[in-house]
Amino acid sequence: MLSRLVLGDIEKDYCYLKTKLFELYTWQTGSSRTVESRRLGIERLLGDLNQKSRDEQVECWRNIAELKREFRNWFKQYKDLLQRVGLVLGAKHNEQRRDFK
């Protein structure tokens, strides 16, 4: 959920910059150094946002993989504990049955 919010913010910023870049395309290429400088700056920022989006997605999948690994470890420990409890309770149950005979 948090990752979706972050990716949504990145997407909003990307759309805003893309709009600003399209507005600069009305100027002829090379007609003004200021426009060219701004265009290059916006293109650089768009590339940075793309990288940020990819990094966020990769980090999200890493977190999911780590959570699944932790879940498997905890579940294994839980099963082992249930097995031990079953052995202990089973031994007590068998002792009680022997006492009645």
N, C-alpha and C. Protein backbone atom coordinates (compact mmCIF):
# COMPACT_ATOMS: atom_id res chain seq x y z
N MET A 1 0.82 -1.18 0.00
CA MET A 1 0.00 0.00 0.00
C MET A 1 0.87 1.26 0.00
N LEU A 2 1.86 1.27 0.87
CA LEU A 2 2.75 2.42 0.96
C LEU A 2 3.51 2.60 -0.35
N SER A 3 3.93 1.50 -0.93
CA SER A 3 4.65 1.56 -2.20
C SER A 3 3.77 2.16 -3.30
N ARG A 4 2.49 1.82 -3.28
CA ARG A 4 1.57 2.37 -4.28
C ARG A 4 1.45 3.88 -4.14
N LEU A 5 1.45 4.35 -2.89
CA LEU A 5 1.37 5.79 -2.67
C LEU A 5 2.62 6.49 -3.18
N VAL A 6 3.76 5.89 -2.91
CA VAL A 6 5.03 6.47 -3.37
C VAL A 6 5.07 6.46 -4.89
N LEU A 7 4.68 5.34 -5.49
CA LEU A 7 4.67 5.26 -6.96
C LEU A 7 3.65 6.23 -7.56
N GLY A 8 2.54 6.44 -6.87
CA GLY A 8 1.55 7.42 -7.33
C GLY A 8 2.11 8.83 -7.33
N ASP A 9 2.85 9.16 -6.26
CA ASP A 9 3.48 10.49 -6.20
C ASP A 9 4.51 10.66 -7.30
N ILE A 10 5.28 9.61 -7.54
CA ILE A 10 6.29 9.67 -8.61
C ILE A 10 5.59 9.86 -9.96
N GLU A 11 4.49 9.15 -10.16
CA GLU A 11 3.74 9.25 -11.42
C GLU A 11 3.18 10.66 -11.62
N LYS A 12 2.69 11.27 -10.54
CA LYS A 12 2.16 12.64 -10.63
C LYS A 12 3.27 13.61 -11.03
N ASP A 13 4.41 13.47 -10.37
CA ASP A 13 5.55 14.33 -10.71
C ASP A 13 5.98 14.12 -12.16
N TYR A 14 5.99 12.85 -12.58
CA TYR A 14 6.39 12.52 -13.95
C TYR A 14 5.43 13.17 -14.95
N CYS A 15 4.14 13.07 -14.70
CA CYS A 15 3.14 13.67 -15.61
C CYS A 15 3.29 15.18 -15.68
N TYR A 16 3.52 15.80 -14.54
CA TYR A 16 3.71 17.25 -14.51
C TYR A 16 4.92 17.65 -15.36
N LEU A 17 6.05 16.96 -15.15
CA LEU A 17 7.25 17.30 -15.91
C LEU A 17 7.09 16.99 -17.39
N LYS A 18 6.40 15.90 -17.70
CA LYS A 18 6.18 15.55 -19.11
C LYS A 18 5.35 16.64 -19.79
N THR A 19 4.36 17.18 -19.08
CA THR A 19 3.55 18.27 -19.62
C THR A 19 4.41 19.49 -19.89
N LYS A 20 5.27 19.82 -18.92
CA LYS A 20 6.17 20.97 -19.10
C LYS A 20 7.10 20.75 -20.28
N LEU A 21 7.56 19.53 -20.46
CA LEU A 21 8.44 19.22 -21.59
C LEU A 21 7.69 19.39 -22.92
N PHE A 22 6.45 18.91 -22.98
CA PHE A 22 5.66 19.08 -24.20
C PHE A 22 5.41 20.56 -24.51
N GLU A 23 5.26 21.36 -23.46
CA GLU A 23 5.09 22.79 -23.69
C GLU A 23 6.35 23.40 -24.32
N LEU A 24 7.50 22.87 -23.98
CA LEU A 24 8.75 23.39 -24.55
C LEU A 24 8.95 22.96 -26.00
N TYR A 25 8.24 21.91 -26.43
CA TYR A 25 8.38 21.47 -27.81
C TYR A 25 7.78 22.46 -28.79
N THR A 26 7.00 23.43 -28.30
CA THR A 26 6.48 24.45 -29.21
C THR A 26 7.62 25.37 -29.70
N TRP A 27 8.69 25.40 -28.92
CA TRP A 27 9.87 26.17 -29.32
C TRP A 27 10.71 25.31 -30.26
N GLN A 28 11.24 25.92 -31.24
CA GLN A 28 12.07 25.21 -32.20
C GLN A 28 13.39 24.82 -31.52
N THR A 29 13.85 23.62 -31.80
CA THR A 29 15.10 23.13 -31.21
C THR A 29 16.25 24.04 -31.61
N GLY A 30 17.02 24.45 -30.63
CA GLY A 30 18.18 25.30 -30.86
C GLY A 30 17.88 26.78 -30.98
N SER A 31 16.63 27.16 -30.80
CA SER A 31 16.28 28.56 -30.94
C SER A 31 16.70 29.40 -29.74
N SER A 32 16.83 28.78 -28.59
CA SER A 32 17.19 29.51 -27.39
C SER A 32 17.97 28.60 -26.44
N ARG A 33 19.08 29.12 -25.93
CA ARG A 33 19.87 28.33 -24.98
C ARG A 33 19.10 28.08 -23.69
N THR A 34 18.33 29.05 -23.29
CA THR A 34 17.54 28.91 -22.06
C THR A 34 16.53 27.78 -22.20
N VAL A 35 15.85 27.74 -23.33
CA VAL A 35 14.86 26.70 -23.58
C VAL A 35 15.54 25.33 -23.65
N GLU A 36 16.66 25.26 -24.33
CA GLU A 36 17.40 24.00 -24.45
C GLU A 36 17.89 23.52 -23.09
N SER A 37 18.38 24.46 -22.30
CA SER A 37 18.86 24.11 -20.97
C SER A 37 17.71 23.58 -20.12
N ARG A 38 16.60 24.26 -20.20
CA ARG A 38 15.41 23.81 -19.44
C ARG A 38 14.94 22.45 -19.94
N ARG A 39 14.90 22.25 -21.23
CA ARG A 39 14.48 20.98 -21.82
C ARG A 39 15.39 19.84 -21.35
N LEU A 40 16.69 20.06 -21.38
CA LEU A 40 17.63 19.03 -20.92
C LEU A 40 17.45 18.74 -19.43
N GLY A 41 17.22 19.80 -18.66
CA GLY A 41 16.99 19.62 -17.22
C GLY A 41 15.75 18.80 -16.93
N ILE A 42 14.68 19.09 -17.66
CA ILE A 42 13.44 18.33 -17.47
C ILE A 42 13.62 16.88 -17.90
N GLU A 43 14.32 16.67 -19.02
CA GLU A 43 14.56 15.29 -19.47
C GLU A 43 15.40 14.53 -18.44
N ARG A 44 16.34 15.20 -17.84
CA ARG A 44 17.17 14.58 -16.80
C ARG A 44 16.30 14.22 -15.59
N LEU A 45 15.41 15.13 -15.20
CA LEU A 45 14.52 14.87 -14.08
C LEU A 45 13.56 13.71 -14.38
N LEU A 46 13.10 13.64 -15.61
CA LEU A 46 12.23 12.51 -16.00
C LEU A 46 12.97 11.19 -15.90
N GLY A 47 14.21 11.17 -16.31
CA GLY A 47 15.03 9.97 -16.18
C GLY A 47 15.24 9.59 -14.72
N ASP A 48 15.46 10.60 -13.89
CA ASP A 48 15.62 10.34 -12.44
C ASP A 48 14.34 9.76 -11.84
N LEU A 49 13.20 10.29 -12.27
CA LEU A 49 11.93 9.77 -11.76
C LEU A 49 11.69 8.33 -12.22
N ASN A 50 12.07 8.03 -13.46
CA ASN A 50 11.96 6.64 -13.94
C ASN A 50 12.81 5.72 -13.08
N GLN A 51 14.02 6.15 -12.79
CA GLN A 51 14.93 5.35 -11.96
C GLN A 51 14.35 5.17 -10.55
N LYS A 52 13.80 6.25 -10.01
CA LYS A 52 13.20 6.20 -8.68
C LYS A 52 12.04 5.20 -8.65
N SER A 53 11.23 5.21 -9.69
CA SER A 53 10.10 4.29 -9.79
C SER A 53 10.58 2.84 -9.84
N ARG A 54 11.59 2.58 -10.66
CA ARG A 54 12.13 1.22 -10.73
C ARG A 54 12.72 0.79 -9.39
N ASP A 55 13.44 1.69 -8.75
CA ASP A 55 14.03 1.37 -7.44
C ASP A 55 12.95 1.05 -6.41
N GLU A 56 11.88 1.80 -6.43
CA GLU A 56 10.77 1.57 -5.49
C GLU A 56 10.12 0.21 -5.75
N GLN A 57 9.93 -0.14 -7.02
CA GLN A 57 9.34 -1.43 -7.35
C GLN A 57 10.25 -2.58 -6.93
N VAL A 58 11.55 -2.44 -7.16
CA VAL A 58 12.50 -3.48 -6.76
C VAL A 58 12.51 -3.63 -5.24
N GLU A 59 12.52 -2.51 -4.53
CA GLU A 59 12.52 -2.55 -3.07
C GLU A 59 11.24 -3.19 -2.54
N CYS A 60 10.13 -2.92 -3.20
CA CYS A 60 8.86 -3.52 -2.80
C CYS A 60 8.93 -5.05 -2.93
N TRP A 61 9.44 -5.53 -4.06
CA TRP A 61 9.56 -6.98 -4.26
C TRP A 61 10.56 -7.60 -3.29
N ARG A 62 11.62 -6.89 -2.97
CA ARG A 62 12.57 -7.39 -1.96
C ARG A 62 11.89 -7.53 -0.61
N ASN A 63 11.11 -6.52 -0.24
CA ASN A 63 10.40 -6.57 1.03
C ASN A 63 9.40 -7.73 1.07
N ILE A 64 8.70 -7.93 -0.03
CA ILE A 64 7.74 -9.03 -0.10
C ILE A 64 8.46 -10.37 0.03
N ALA A 65 9.58 -10.52 -0.66
CA ALA A 65 10.34 -11.77 -0.58
C ALA A 65 10.85 -12.00 0.84
N GLU A 66 11.32 -10.95 1.49
CA GLU A 66 11.81 -11.08 2.86
C GLU A 66 10.68 -11.45 3.82
N LEU A 67 9.51 -10.84 3.65
CA LEU A 67 8.36 -11.19 4.49
C LEU A 67 7.92 -12.63 4.29
N LYS A 68 7.94 -13.10 3.05
CA LYS A 68 7.59 -14.50 2.79
C LYS A 68 8.60 -15.44 3.42
N ARG A 69 9.88 -15.08 3.36
CA ARG A 69 10.93 -15.90 3.97
C ARG A 69 10.73 -15.95 5.49
N GLU A 70 10.46 -14.79 6.09
CA GLU A 70 10.20 -14.76 7.53
C GLU A 70 8.97 -15.58 7.89
N PHE A 71 7.93 -15.48 7.09
CA PHE A 71 6.72 -16.25 7.35
C PHE A 71 7.02 -17.74 7.33
N ARG A 72 7.77 -18.18 6.32
CA ARG A 72 8.11 -19.61 6.25
C ARG A 72 8.90 -20.05 7.47
N ASN A 73 9.84 -19.22 7.93
CA ASN A 73 10.62 -19.56 9.12
C ASN A 73 9.73 -19.64 10.36
N TRP A 74 8.86 -18.66 10.54
CA TRP A 74 7.97 -18.68 11.70
C TRP A 74 7.01 -19.85 11.63
N PHE A 75 6.51 -20.15 10.45
CA PHE A 75 5.59 -21.27 10.30
C PHE A 75 6.29 -22.59 10.62
N LYS A 76 7.52 -22.75 10.19
CA LYS A 76 8.30 -23.96 10.49
C LYS A 76 8.51 -24.08 12.00
N GLN A 77 8.84 -22.97 12.65
CA GLN A 77 9.01 -23.00 14.10
C GLN A 77 7.70 -23.36 14.79
N TYR A 78 6.61 -22.83 14.29
CA TYR A 78 5.29 -23.14 14.85
C TYR A 78 4.98 -24.63 14.71
N LYS A 79 5.21 -25.20 13.54
CA LYS A 79 4.97 -26.62 13.32
C LYS A 79 5.85 -27.47 14.24
N ASP A 80 7.12 -27.08 14.38
CA ASP A 80 8.02 -27.81 15.28
C ASP A 80 7.52 -27.76 16.71
N LEU A 81 7.05 -26.60 17.13
CA LEU A 81 6.52 -26.44 18.48
C LEU A 81 5.27 -27.29 18.68
N LEU A 82 4.39 -27.31 17.69
CA LEU A 82 3.19 -28.15 17.78
C LEU A 82 3.57 -29.62 17.89
N GLN A 83 4.57 -30.01 17.15
CA GLN A 83 5.02 -31.40 17.19
C GLN A 83 5.57 -31.73 18.58
N ARG A 84 6.36 -30.83 19.17
CA ARG A 84 6.89 -31.06 20.52
C ARG A 84 5.77 -31.14 21.55
N VAL A 85 4.82 -30.22 21.44
CA VAL A 85 3.68 -30.24 22.36
C VAL A 85 2.90 -31.53 22.20
N GLY A 86 2.72 -31.95 20.98
CA GLY A 86 2.03 -33.22 20.74
C GLY A 86 2.76 -34.39 21.35
N LEU A 87 4.08 -34.39 21.28
CA LEU A 87 4.86 -35.47 21.88
C LEU A 87 4.72 -35.45 23.40
N VAL A 88 4.81 -34.26 23.99
CA VAL A 88 4.70 -34.15 25.44
C VAL A 88 3.30 -34.55 25.90
N LEU A 89 2.29 -34.01 25.26
CA LEU A 89 0.93 -34.34 25.64
C LEU A 89 0.61 -35.80 25.35
N GLY A 90 1.15 -36.30 24.26
CA GLY A 90 0.94 -37.71 23.93
C GLY A 90 1.57 -38.62 24.96
N ALA A 91 2.75 -38.26 25.46
CA ALA A 91 3.41 -39.05 26.49
C ALA A 91 2.61 -39.02 27.79
N LYS A 92 2.09 -37.87 28.17
CA LYS A 92 1.27 -37.76 29.37
C LYS A 92 -0.01 -38.56 29.22
N HIS A 93 -0.61 -38.51 28.03
CA HIS A 93 -1.84 -39.24 27.77
C HIS A 93 -1.59 -40.75 27.90
N ASN A 94 -0.47 -41.22 27.37
CA ASN A 94 -0.12 -42.63 27.46
C ASN A 94 0.15 -43.04 28.90
N GLU A 95 0.78 -42.17 29.70
CA GLU A 95 1.04 -42.47 31.11
C GLU A 95 -0.27 -42.59 31.87
N GLN A 96 -1.22 -41.72 31.58
CA GLN A 96 -2.52 -41.78 32.25
C GLN A 96 -3.27 -43.06 31.89
N ARG A 97 -3.16 -43.49 30.67
CA ARG A 97 -3.82 -44.73 30.25
C ARG A 97 -3.22 -45.93 30.95
N ARG A 98 -1.89 -45.92 31.15
CA ARG A 98 -1.24 -47.04 31.84
C ARG A 98 -1.67 -47.10 33.30
N ASP A 99 -1.89 -45.93 33.92
CA ASP A 99 -2.29 -45.90 35.33
C ASP A 99 -3.68 -46.51 35.52
N PHE A 100 -4.56 -46.42 34.54
CA PHE A 100 -5.91 -46.97 34.66
C PHE A 100 -5.93 -48.47 34.48
N LYS A 101 -4.94 -49.05 33.87
CA LYS A 101 -4.94 -50.49 33.61
C LYS A 101 -4.55 -51.26 34.79
